[in-house]
Amino acid sequence: MRFYRHCAVLAAVLLLAGYGCAGHEEEPAPLADTQSDAAVASAGTRSIDWRLLQRSFQLDARWQRGQTREAAYRLQLDYLIDQKLLAQEALANGALQDPALAGYLQAIQEKEMIKGLYRREVASRVEISEETYRQAYRYSKKKVQFEYITTPDLE
């Protein structure tokens, strides 16, 4: 039952976001200064800075065929805003108390704590020279043979 309530809330948020964005024909404002760490957008109580937008674009670009780079960044920004709003709505509806989600979130939290501990205690104390990097790269090279390679049709 709780799952269906979450789905209903999610659907309502998406409908409201779509309704609020529909019908605006005005030219969008240019993106913020790309060298700044200032917020380029806000979503509820959260803000999105240029670094977060760039990282999101590099990891999971929403770029569509025929778009300019600026339009692709705008689409990515819209995606991030939607994600932030949905996350806030889920928190407001008690998603953290959901038993099915609690175990998953606990596992993620533990994994990230281990990574942080490793970075602080191990990686910060180890220095690897450029020559060592190059040597490891040469040793790890693998040769792969292909009979054929297919690529998606660009049309």
Protein backbone atom coordinates (compact mmCIF):
# COMPACT_ATOMS: atom_id res chain seq x y z
CA MET A 1 0.00 0.00 0.00
CA ARG A 2 2.82 2.36 0.87
CA PHE A 3 4.43 1.70 -2.52
CA TYR A 4 1.27 2.80 -4.32
CA ARG A 5 1.08 5.95 -2.21
CA HIS A 6 4.70 6.80 -3.15
CA CYS A 7 3.87 6.19 -6.82
CA ALA A 8 0.82 8.45 -6.56
CA VAL A 9 2.87 11.23 -4.96
CA LEU A 10 5.57 10.84 -7.60
CA ALA A 11 3.00 11.00 -10.39
CA ALA A 12 1.43 14.12 -8.86
CA VAL A 13 4.81 15.87 -8.60
CA LEU A 14 5.64 15.01 -12.21
CA LEU A 15 2.25 16.26 -13.42
CA LEU A 16 2.63 19.52 -11.52
CA ALA A 17 6.17 20.00 -12.83
CA GLY A 18 5.02 19.31 -16.39
CA TYR A 19 2.07 21.68 -16.05
CA GLY A 20 4.29 24.43 -14.66
CA CYS A 21 6.76 24.11 -17.53
CA ALA A 22 4.21 23.86 -20.35
CA GLY A 23 3.40 26.75 -22.62
CA HIS A 24 6.39 28.99 -22.03
CA GLU A 25 7.62 30.26 -25.37
CA GLU A 26 10.09 32.86 -24.14
CA GLU A 27 13.80 32.51 -24.90
CA PRO A 28 15.67 30.95 -21.96
CA ALA A 29 18.26 33.02 -20.15
CA PRO A 30 21.91 32.12 -20.78
CA LEU A 31 23.55 29.68 -18.41
CA ALA A 32 25.39 31.08 -15.42
CA ASP A 33 29.08 31.90 -15.43
CA THR A 34 30.83 28.58 -15.92
CA GLN A 35 33.75 29.51 -13.66
CA SER A 36 31.53 30.29 -10.68
CA ASP A 37 30.57 27.98 -7.83
CA ALA A 38 27.42 30.01 -7.32
CA ALA A 39 24.08 28.28 -7.66
CA VAL A 40 22.75 28.06 -11.22
CA ALA A 41 19.33 26.90 -10.01
CA SER A 42 17.42 26.02 -6.89
CA ALA A 43 14.95 23.23 -6.33
CA GLY A 44 12.96 23.60 -3.15
CA THR A 45 15.48 23.82 -0.33
CA ARG A 46 18.40 22.58 -2.43
CA SER A 47 20.62 24.43 -4.86
CA ILE A 48 22.46 23.20 -7.94
CA ASP A 49 25.86 24.68 -8.66
CA TRP A 50 27.86 24.59 -11.87
CA ARG A 51 30.12 21.75 -10.67
CA LEU A 52 27.14 19.50 -9.90
CA LEU A 53 25.61 20.27 -13.29
CA GLN A 54 28.88 19.48 -15.09
CA ARG A 55 29.40 16.25 -13.17
CA SER A 56 25.84 15.14 -13.91
CA PHE A 57 26.28 16.00 -17.58
CA GLN A 58 29.53 14.04 -17.81
CA LEU A 59 28.19 10.97 -16.02
CA ASP A 60 24.64 10.76 -17.38
CA ALA A 61 24.10 13.27 -20.19
CA ARG A 62 20.53 13.84 -21.37
CA TRP A 63 21.78 15.18 -24.71
CA GLN A 64 19.32 14.57 -27.52
CA ARG A 65 19.86 14.53 -31.26
CA GLY A 66 19.99 17.98 -32.84
CA GLN A 67 20.51 19.89 -29.60
CA THR A 68 23.11 22.53 -29.05
CA ARG A 69 25.45 22.13 -26.12
CA GLU A 70 23.62 24.88 -24.23
CA ALA A 71 20.25 23.22 -24.84
CA ALA A 72 21.69 19.91 -23.64
CA TYR A 73 22.92 21.55 -20.43
CA ARG A 74 19.48 23.09 -19.94
CA LEU A 75 17.88 19.68 -20.34
CA GLN A 76 20.38 18.26 -17.82
CA LEU A 77 19.57 21.09 -15.42
CA ASP A 78 15.83 20.37 -15.75
CA TYR A 79 16.57 16.71 -14.98
CA LEU A 80 18.58 17.64 -11.87
CA ILE A 81 15.83 19.97 -10.65
CA ASP A 82 13.26 17.20 -11.08
CA GLN A 83 15.49 14.77 -9.18
CA LYS A 84 16.02 17.20 -6.29
CA LEU A 85 12.28 17.95 -6.04
CA LEU A 86 11.36 14.27 -6.13
CA ALA A 87 13.93 13.47 -3.44
CA GLN A 88 12.56 16.21 -1.20
CA GLU A 89 9.01 14.97 -1.74
CA ALA A 90 10.06 11.41 -0.89
CA LEU A 91 11.72 12.63 2.32
CA ALA A 92 8.63 14.64 3.24
CA ASN A 93 6.50 11.52 2.79
CA GLY A 94 8.65 9.42 5.11
CA ALA A 95 10.67 7.43 2.60
CA LEU A 96 13.47 7.00 5.15
CA GLN A 97 11.10 5.07 7.44
CA ASP A 98 10.17 2.59 4.71
CA PRO A 99 11.66 -0.79 5.80
CA ALA A 100 12.31 -1.89 2.22
CA LEU A 101 14.33 1.24 1.54
CA ALA A 102 16.07 1.45 4.92
CA GLY A 103 18.30 -1.59 4.34
CA TYR A 104 19.33 -0.38 0.91
CA LEU A 105 20.16 3.11 2.21
CA GLN A 106 22.12 1.60 5.11
CA ALA A 107 24.23 -0.45 2.67
CA ILE A 108 24.96 2.64 0.56
CA GLN A 109 25.87 4.64 3.65
CA GLU A 110 28.27 1.95 4.87
CA LYS A 111 29.89 1.66 1.44
CA GLU A 112 30.45 5.43 1.26
CA MET A 113 31.85 5.51 4.81
CA ILE A 114 34.35 2.79 3.86
CA LYS A 115 35.39 4.79 0.78
CA GLY A 116 35.85 7.91 2.90
CA LEU A 117 37.89 6.03 5.47
CA TYR A 118 40.06 4.55 2.71
CA ARG A 119 40.65 7.98 1.14
CA ARG A 120 41.53 9.50 4.51
CA GLU A 121 43.68 6.71 5.93
CA VAL A 122 45.25 5.06 2.87
CA ALA A 123 45.02 7.07 -0.34
CA SER A 124 46.10 10.33 1.31
CA ARG A 125 49.33 8.69 2.51
CA VAL A 126 50.33 6.91 -0.69
CA GLU A 127 52.14 8.65 -3.51
CA ILE A 128 52.50 6.93 -6.86
CA SER A 129 55.03 8.31 -9.30
CA GLU A 130 54.23 8.96 -12.93
CA GLU A 131 56.66 6.22 -13.93
CA THR A 132 54.86 3.70 -11.70
CA TYR A 133 51.55 4.67 -13.31
CA ARG A 134 53.03 4.19 -16.77
CA GLN A 135 54.56 0.85 -15.85
CA ALA A 136 51.27 -0.44 -14.41
CA TYR A 137 49.48 0.72 -17.56
CA ARG A 138 51.94 -1.12 -19.80
CA TYR A 139 51.58 -4.32 -17.76
CA SER A 140 47.79 -4.15 -17.78
CA LYS A 141 47.41 -3.69 -21.54
CA LYS A 142 45.39 -6.40 -23.17
CA LYS A 143 45.01 -7.14 -26.83
CA VAL A 144 41.50 -7.75 -28.09
CA GLN A 145 40.61 -9.09 -31.51
CA PHE A 146 37.28 -8.37 -33.18
CA GLU A 147 35.69 -10.07 -36.12
CA TYR A 148 33.43 -7.07 -36.66
CA ILE A 149 32.14 -4.02 -34.84
CA THR A 150 28.67 -2.54 -35.16
CA THR A 151 27.65 1.00 -34.38
CA PRO A 152 24.21 2.56 -34.16
CA ASP A 153 22.83 4.15 -37.30
CA LEU A 154 23.28 7.92 -37.12
CA GLU A 155 20.09 8.63 -39.05
